[in-house]
Amino acid sequence: MSSNFVDYIKIYCKSGNGGPGSAHLHREKFIEKGGPDGGDGGRGGHIILRGNAQLWTLLALRYTRHLKASNGERGGTSRSTGADGEDVYIDVPIGTIAKTETGEFIGEISEDGQEVILLEGGKGGLGNWHFRSSTRQTPRYAQPGLPGQELPIILELKILADVGLVGFPNAGKSTLLSVVSAAKPKIADYAFTTLTPNLGIVEYRNHQSFVMADIPGIIEGAAEGKGLGHRFLRHIERNSVLLFLIPADAEDYEKEYEILLNELRKYNPELLDKGRILAISKSDMLDDELKAEIAALLPKDIPHVFFSSVTNQGLTELKDMLWKEINKEI
């Protein structure tokens, strides 16, 4: 069964053609040589991207791959302008960017109701009224409307969240999200349980909160397209803080952290500029002595915390560290 979460799609768009201008000559009883009075053509319809905070996926566009705006109407008599073509609006989630097939950036939706014109409609042609002069009093021609634009557009959704969970499959990301928020991600004891990103709102003190995103597990080679990681690494770009999760039963904590860090580095070096916290999950199986031994092996340049989603051990400390990092002054 296909997923309802769609974060990358190609659509084919065509804006409307501009309407032709009118070459009408005024005709009225008792008025000879009324002269030109042809109006301008209307502009073609735009293709417009619009932010909608109620959406979280590009799923609807999977079934509407071709979008075409209507053409502008011909100019009328008495210098009346033809009607503009009807604009076509594409509602998308917050965090959607639009680009061409060659990767050229077109626009980005960052707030509800924001509009970005993907393709402008063709300009309407001028009527013969504009071409009159003292030596050319009855021009019998008008401009045709300009054609609209036609282009394949790539839409890419990057989830907006304060905290992004980074870790190997079965590191405990989904379990953590289910415990600290009302999100209900799929949890099971096999790799790649999470096939789509999940969002949860984490309640903090004094009615404050922040958004946490469970990103599908990264494996070594994800930046080259292995596993599921490459498909979802884009979502990490929009997170303010990256929470690295390594399970307490890992064979080599420092090596796992370096592999995860290296995949982010290969995908986008700018990701290393984000705030980072290292969390050892499933730590209910550790005593204080083992925690001290593990802490000595962890990287010294990143704060760490031990926690257990099963016993709630260390969750308050973890949320305190995340809140502090999210609100750190740059």
Protein backbone atom coordinates (compact mmCIF):
# COMPACT_ATOMS: atom_id res chain seq x y z
CA MET A 1 0.00 0.00 0.00
CA SER A 2 1.42 3.38 -0.98
CA SER A 3 2.10 6.00 1.66
CA ASN A 4 0.01 9.13 2.09
CA PHE A 5 3.16 11.11 2.74
CA VAL A 6 4.49 12.61 -0.50
CA ASP A 7 7.37 15.08 -0.24
CA TYR A 8 8.69 15.24 -3.82
CA ILE A 9 6.72 15.58 -7.03
CA LYS A 10 7.00 16.89 -10.59
CA ILE A 11 4.09 18.76 -12.13
CA TYR A 12 3.64 20.18 -15.61
CA CYS A 13 2.35 23.73 -15.70
CA LYS A 14 1.20 26.09 -18.44
CA SER A 15 0.11 29.65 -17.82
CA GLY A 16 -2.54 31.25 -20.02
CA ASN A 17 -1.91 33.14 -23.24
CA GLY A 18 -2.62 36.85 -23.35
CA GLY A 19 -5.76 37.86 -25.22
CA PRO A 20 -5.34 39.69 -28.54
CA GLY A 21 -6.10 43.38 -28.76
CA SER A 22 -9.07 44.58 -30.76
CA ALA A 23 -8.76 46.37 -34.11
CA HIS A 24 -12.31 47.74 -33.95
CA LEU A 25 -13.29 51.05 -35.57
CA HIS A 26 -16.02 53.08 -33.92
CA ARG A 27 -19.35 52.99 -35.72
CA GLU A 28 -22.28 55.15 -34.62
CA LYS A 29 -25.20 56.81 -36.33
CA PHE A 30 -24.54 60.44 -37.28
CA ILE A 31 -20.82 60.06 -36.44
CA GLU A 32 -18.56 59.63 -39.43
CA LYS A 33 -15.08 58.25 -39.05
CA GLY A 34 -15.42 57.46 -35.39
CA GLY A 35 -11.84 56.27 -35.35
CA PRO A 36 -10.16 53.35 -33.58
CA ASP A 37 -11.59 52.23 -30.27
CA GLY A 38 -10.27 48.68 -29.95
CA GLY A 39 -9.44 47.66 -26.36
CA ASP A 40 -6.54 45.65 -24.98
CA GLY A 41 -6.60 41.91 -24.51
CA GLY A 42 -6.67 40.47 -21.01
CA ARG A 43 -3.58 38.81 -19.52
CA GLY A 44 -3.37 35.06 -19.33
CA GLY A 45 -3.91 33.29 -16.04
CA HIS A 46 -0.95 32.76 -13.67
CA ILE A 47 0.10 29.49 -12.05
CA ILE A 48 0.41 30.35 -8.35
CA LEU A 49 1.79 28.36 -5.41
CA ARG A 50 -0.05 29.05 -2.14
CA GLY A 51 0.81 28.01 1.42
CA ASN A 52 -1.80 26.07 3.38
CA ALA A 53 -1.08 25.28 7.02
CA GLN A 54 -3.74 22.53 6.99
CA LEU A 55 -1.69 20.40 4.59
CA TRP A 56 1.30 18.23 5.51
CA THR A 57 1.95 16.36 2.26
CA LEU A 58 1.97 16.86 -1.52
CA LEU A 59 -0.30 13.85 -1.95
CA ALA A 60 -3.11 15.71 -3.76
CA LEU A 61 -0.76 16.65 -6.58
CA ARG A 62 -0.01 13.00 -7.26
CA TYR A 63 -3.35 12.86 -9.08
CA THR A 64 -3.14 16.31 -10.72
CA ARG A 65 0.14 16.38 -12.60
CA HIS A 66 -0.93 18.75 -15.41
CA LEU A 67 -2.14 22.26 -14.58
CA LYS A 68 -3.21 24.80 -17.18
CA ALA A 69 -4.46 28.34 -16.63
CA SER A 70 -7.03 29.87 -18.95
CA ASN A 71 -6.23 32.41 -21.66
CA GLY A 72 -7.04 36.11 -21.52
CA GLU A 73 -10.00 37.29 -23.58
CA ARG A 74 -9.91 39.49 -26.66
CA GLY A 75 -10.19 43.24 -26.22
CA GLY A 76 -13.60 44.75 -26.88
CA THR A 77 -15.08 47.86 -28.43
CA SER A 78 -15.13 51.29 -26.83
CA ARG A 79 -11.61 50.63 -25.52
CA SER A 80 -12.84 47.94 -23.15
CA THR A 81 -10.18 45.53 -21.93
CA GLY A 82 -10.74 41.81 -22.25
CA ALA A 83 -11.11 39.74 -19.08
CA ASP A 84 -7.97 38.24 -17.56
CA GLY A 85 -7.55 34.50 -17.65
CA GLU A 86 -8.41 32.71 -14.42
CA ASP A 87 -5.39 32.03 -12.19
CA VAL A 88 -4.69 28.48 -11.03
CA TYR A 89 -3.73 28.10 -7.35
CA ILE A 90 -1.72 25.15 -6.07
CA ASP A 91 -2.14 24.71 -2.31
CA VAL A 92 0.94 23.18 -0.66
CA PRO A 93 2.22 22.64 2.90
CA ILE A 94 4.45 25.14 4.68
CA GLY A 95 8.08 24.31 3.87
CA THR A 96 7.55 23.59 0.15
CA ILE A 97 10.11 24.88 -2.33
CA ALA A 98 9.69 25.08 -6.11
CA LYS A 99 12.45 24.75 -8.67
CA THR A 100 13.00 23.89 -12.31
CA GLU A 101 14.20 20.53 -13.58
CA THR A 102 17.71 21.97 -13.77
CA GLY A 103 17.59 22.90 -10.08
CA GLU A 104 17.00 26.64 -10.52
CA PHE A 105 15.22 28.01 -7.44
CA ILE A 106 11.81 29.59 -8.14
CA GLY A 107 10.31 30.22 -4.72
CA GLU A 108 9.63 28.95 -1.23
CA ILE A 109 6.49 28.79 0.91
CA SER A 110 7.32 29.64 4.52
CA GLU A 111 3.96 30.80 5.95
CA ASP A 112 0.24 30.20 5.66
CA GLY A 113 -1.42 32.09 2.80
CA GLN A 114 1.87 33.09 1.17
CA GLU A 115 1.73 33.13 -2.63
CA VAL A 116 4.49 32.58 -5.17
CA ILE A 117 3.87 32.99 -8.89
CA LEU A 118 5.42 29.98 -10.61
CA LEU A 119 4.54 30.97 -14.18
CA GLU A 120 3.18 34.34 -15.23
CA GLY A 121 0.40 34.52 -17.79
CA GLY A 122 1.10 36.12 -21.16
CA LYS A 123 0.54 39.84 -21.47
CA GLY A 124 -2.55 40.93 -23.40
CA GLY A 125 -2.07 42.62 -26.77
CA LEU A 126 -2.71 46.34 -27.25
CA GLY A 127 -5.82 47.43 -29.12
CA ASN A 128 -5.66 49.70 -32.19
CA TRP A 129 -6.54 52.68 -29.97
CA HIS A 130 -2.86 52.78 -28.96
CA PHE A 131 -1.62 53.01 -32.54
CA ARG A 132 -3.53 56.10 -33.69
CA SER A 133 -1.58 59.21 -34.64
CA SER A 134 -2.01 62.38 -36.63
CA THR A 135 -0.78 60.62 -39.75
CA ARG A 136 -2.40 57.26 -39.03
CA GLN A 137 -5.91 57.99 -37.88
CA THR A 138 -7.55 54.63 -38.63
CA PRO A 139 -5.08 51.85 -37.78
CA ARG A 140 -6.69 48.53 -38.65
CA TYR A 141 -4.39 46.31 -36.67
CA ALA A 142 -3.77 45.38 -33.03
CA GLN A 143 -1.24 43.37 -31.13
CA PRO A 144 -1.71 39.65 -30.55
CA GLY A 145 -1.39 38.52 -26.95
CA LEU A 146 1.91 37.09 -25.72
CA PRO A 147 1.99 33.34 -25.18
CA GLY A 148 2.03 31.90 -21.68
CA GLN A 149 4.89 29.89 -20.19
CA GLU A 150 5.10 26.12 -20.12
CA LEU A 151 7.48 24.34 -17.75
CA PRO A 152 7.85 21.22 -15.62
CA ILE A 153 8.09 22.27 -11.96
CA ILE A 154 9.68 20.30 -9.14
CA LEU A 155 7.99 20.68 -5.75
CA GLU A 156 9.95 19.54 -2.72
CA LEU A 157 8.67 19.52 0.84
CA LYS A 158 11.08 20.04 3.72
CA ILE A 159 9.49 19.55 7.12
CA LEU A 160 9.66 22.51 9.48
CA ALA A 161 10.51 21.35 13.02
CA ASP A 162 12.58 22.62 15.94
CA VAL A 163 14.24 19.27 16.65
CA GLY A 164 15.15 16.57 14.17
CA LEU A 165 15.91 13.04 15.41
CA VAL A 166 18.97 11.54 13.74
CA GLY A 167 19.98 7.93 14.19
CA PHE A 168 20.28 4.45 12.78
CA PRO A 169 17.16 2.29 12.37
CA ASN A 170 15.87 1.04 15.73
CA ALA A 171 17.77 3.68 17.71
CA GLY A 172 14.56 4.49 19.60
CA LYS A 173 13.51 7.64 17.72
CA SER A 174 9.88 6.67 17.20
CA THR A 175 9.53 5.47 20.80
CA LEU A 176 10.91 8.75 22.12
CA LEU A 177 8.53 10.79 19.96
CA SER A 178 5.55 8.69 21.11
CA VAL A 179 6.46 9.25 24.77
CA VAL A 180 7.19 13.00 24.76
CA SER A 181 4.35 13.96 22.38
CA ALA A 182 0.92 12.79 21.24
CA ALA A 183 2.32 11.46 17.96
CA LYS A 184 1.72 7.77 17.26
CA PRO A 185 4.51 6.61 14.93
CA LYS A 186 4.82 2.94 14.02
CA ILE A 187 7.07 1.09 16.46
CA ALA A 188 8.46 -2.42 15.86
CA ASP A 189 11.63 -4.43 16.34
CA TYR A 190 12.96 -4.35 12.79
CA ALA A 191 14.87 -1.93 10.60
CA PHE A 192 13.11 0.92 8.79
CA THR A 193 9.98 0.83 10.92
CA THR A 194 9.55 4.52 10.12
CA LEU A 195 9.02 4.99 6.39
CA THR A 196 7.79 8.59 6.51
CA PRO A 197 8.69 11.53 8.78
CA ASN A 198 6.47 11.98 11.83
CA LEU A 199 5.88 15.24 13.70
CA GLY A 200 5.01 15.67 17.34
CA ILE A 201 4.47 18.69 19.61
CA VAL A 202 6.47 18.33 22.81
CA GLU A 203 4.94 20.09 25.80
CA TYR A 204 7.42 21.99 27.97
CA ARG A 205 7.10 24.11 31.10
CA ASN A 206 4.64 27.01 31.45
CA HIS A 207 2.54 25.91 28.45
CA GLN A 208 5.52 26.25 26.13
CA SER A 209 6.20 23.68 23.44
CA PHE A 210 8.42 22.78 20.50
CA VAL A 211 8.07 20.54 17.43
CA MET A 212 10.05 17.32 17.10
CA ALA A 213 10.44 15.36 13.86
CA ASP A 214 11.20 11.65 13.66
CA ILE A 215 13.24 11.26 10.47
CA PRO A 216 13.50 7.74 8.97
CA GLY A 217 16.69 5.94 10.00
CA ILE A 218 19.97 6.82 8.33
CA ILE A 219 22.46 4.13 7.36
CA GLU A 220 26.06 4.38 6.22
CA GLY A 221 26.00 5.47 2.58
CA ALA A 222 22.66 7.31 2.89
CA ALA A 223 24.09 10.43 1.24
CA GLU A 224 24.81 8.28 -1.85
CA GLY A 225 21.26 6.97 -1.92
CA LYS A 226 21.48 3.78 0.11
CA GLY A 227 18.56 2.78 2.31
CA LEU A 228 15.89 5.38 3.02
CA GLY A 229 18.13 8.10 4.41
CA HIS A 230 18.87 9.96 1.18
CA ARG A 231 15.19 10.42 0.48
CA PHE A 232 14.57 12.05 3.85
CA LEU A 233 17.84 13.84 4.60
CA ARG A 234 16.30 16.97 3.08
CA HIS A 235 13.95 17.29 6.06
CA ILE A 236 16.88 17.67 8.47
CA GLU A 237 17.84 20.89 6.67
CA ARG A 238 14.89 22.69 8.25
CA ASN A 239 15.46 21.58 11.86
CA SER A 240 16.93 24.06 14.33
CA VAL A 241 18.55 21.37 16.50
CA LEU A 242 19.69 17.85 15.64
CA LEU A 243 19.27 15.21 18.35
CA PHE A 244 21.58 12.26 17.65
CA LEU A 245 20.26 9.02 19.14
CA ILE A 246 22.56 6.08 19.83
CA PRO A 247 21.16 3.04 21.69
CA ALA A 248 22.85 1.88 24.89
CA ASP A 249 23.51 -1.54 23.33
CA ALA A 250 25.54 -0.10 20.43
CA GLU A 251 28.92 -1.72 19.79
CA ASP A 252 30.84 1.54 19.25
CA TYR A 253 29.20 4.82 20.30
CA GLU A 254 31.81 7.14 18.86
CA LYS A 255 31.88 5.28 15.53
CA GLU A 256 28.08 5.41 15.16
CA TYR A 257 28.08 9.13 15.88
CA GLU A 258 30.87 9.75 13.34
CA ILE A 259 29.03 7.74 10.66
CA LEU A 260 25.85 9.77 11.19
CA LEU A 261 27.80 13.03 11.20
CA ASN A 262 29.66 12.04 8.04
CA GLU A 263 26.43 11.27 6.16
CA LEU A 264 25.11 14.72 7.04
CA ARG A 265 28.42 16.28 6.02
CA LYS A 266 28.35 14.56 2.62
CA TYR A 267 24.74 15.51 2.01
CA ASN A 268 25.08 19.16 3.06
CA PRO A 269 28.06 20.52 5.06
CA GLU A 270 25.90 23.36 6.39
CA LEU A 271 24.04 20.83 8.53
CA LEU A 272 27.07 20.70 10.81
CA ASP A 273 26.44 24.32 11.79
CA LYS A 274 23.20 23.36 13.55
CA GLY A 275 22.97 22.78 17.28
CA ARG A 276 23.68 19.16 18.25
CA ILE A 277 22.89 17.02 21.27
CA LEU A 278 23.90 13.39 21.68
CA ALA A 279 21.44 11.15 23.54
CA ILE A 280 22.02 7.56 24.62
CA SER A 281 18.65 5.80 24.39
CA LYS A 282 17.49 2.64 26.17
CA SER A 283 19.71 3.59 29.13
CA ASP A 284 17.45 1.82 31.63
CA MET A 285 19.70 -1.20 31.00
CA LEU A 286 22.76 0.74 32.29
CA ASP A 287 23.92 1.30 35.85
CA ASP A 288 25.83 4.40 36.96
CA GLU A 289 29.20 2.72 36.48
CA LEU A 290 28.46 1.80 32.86
CA LYS A 291 27.13 5.29 32.17
CA ALA A 292 30.38 6.78 33.42
CA GLU A 293 32.40 4.44 31.20
CA ILE A 294 30.27 5.27 28.15
CA ALA A 295 30.40 9.02 28.87
CA ALA A 296 34.20 8.85 28.76
CA LEU A 297 33.98 7.46 25.20
CA LEU A 298 31.61 10.10 23.85
CA PRO A 299 32.79 13.15 21.83
CA LYS A 300 33.75 16.04 24.08
CA ASP A 301 32.49 18.78 21.73
CA ILE A 302 28.79 17.93 22.06
CA PRO A 303 26.55 17.75 25.16
CA HIS A 304 25.15 14.32 25.95
CA VAL A 305 22.36 12.84 28.03
CA PHE A 306 21.24 9.33 29.01
CA PHE A 307 17.52 8.56 28.83
CA SER A 308 14.98 5.78 28.65
CA SER A 309 11.62 6.15 26.91
CA VAL A 310 10.37 3.04 28.77
CA THR A 311 11.05 4.29 32.32
CA ASN A 312 11.00 8.06 31.52
CA GLN A 313 14.49 8.29 32.99
CA GLY A 314 16.34 11.41 31.83
CA LEU A 315 13.46 12.79 29.72
CA THR A 316 13.14 15.99 31.77
CA GLU A 317 16.86 16.63 31.45
CA LEU A 318 16.66 15.90 27.72
CA LYS A 319 13.81 18.37 27.19
CA ASP A 320 15.69 21.00 29.23
CA MET A 321 18.77 20.59 27.02
CA LEU A 322 16.70 20.77 23.83
CA TRP A 323 14.80 23.87 24.97
CA LYS A 324 18.03 25.62 25.89
CA GLU A 325 19.61 24.76 22.52
CA ILE A 326 16.54 25.82 20.53
CA ASN A 327 16.49 29.20 22.24
CA LYS A 328 20.22 29.77 22.23
CA GLU A 329 21.11 33.23 20.98
CA ILE A 330 23.18 33.13 17.83
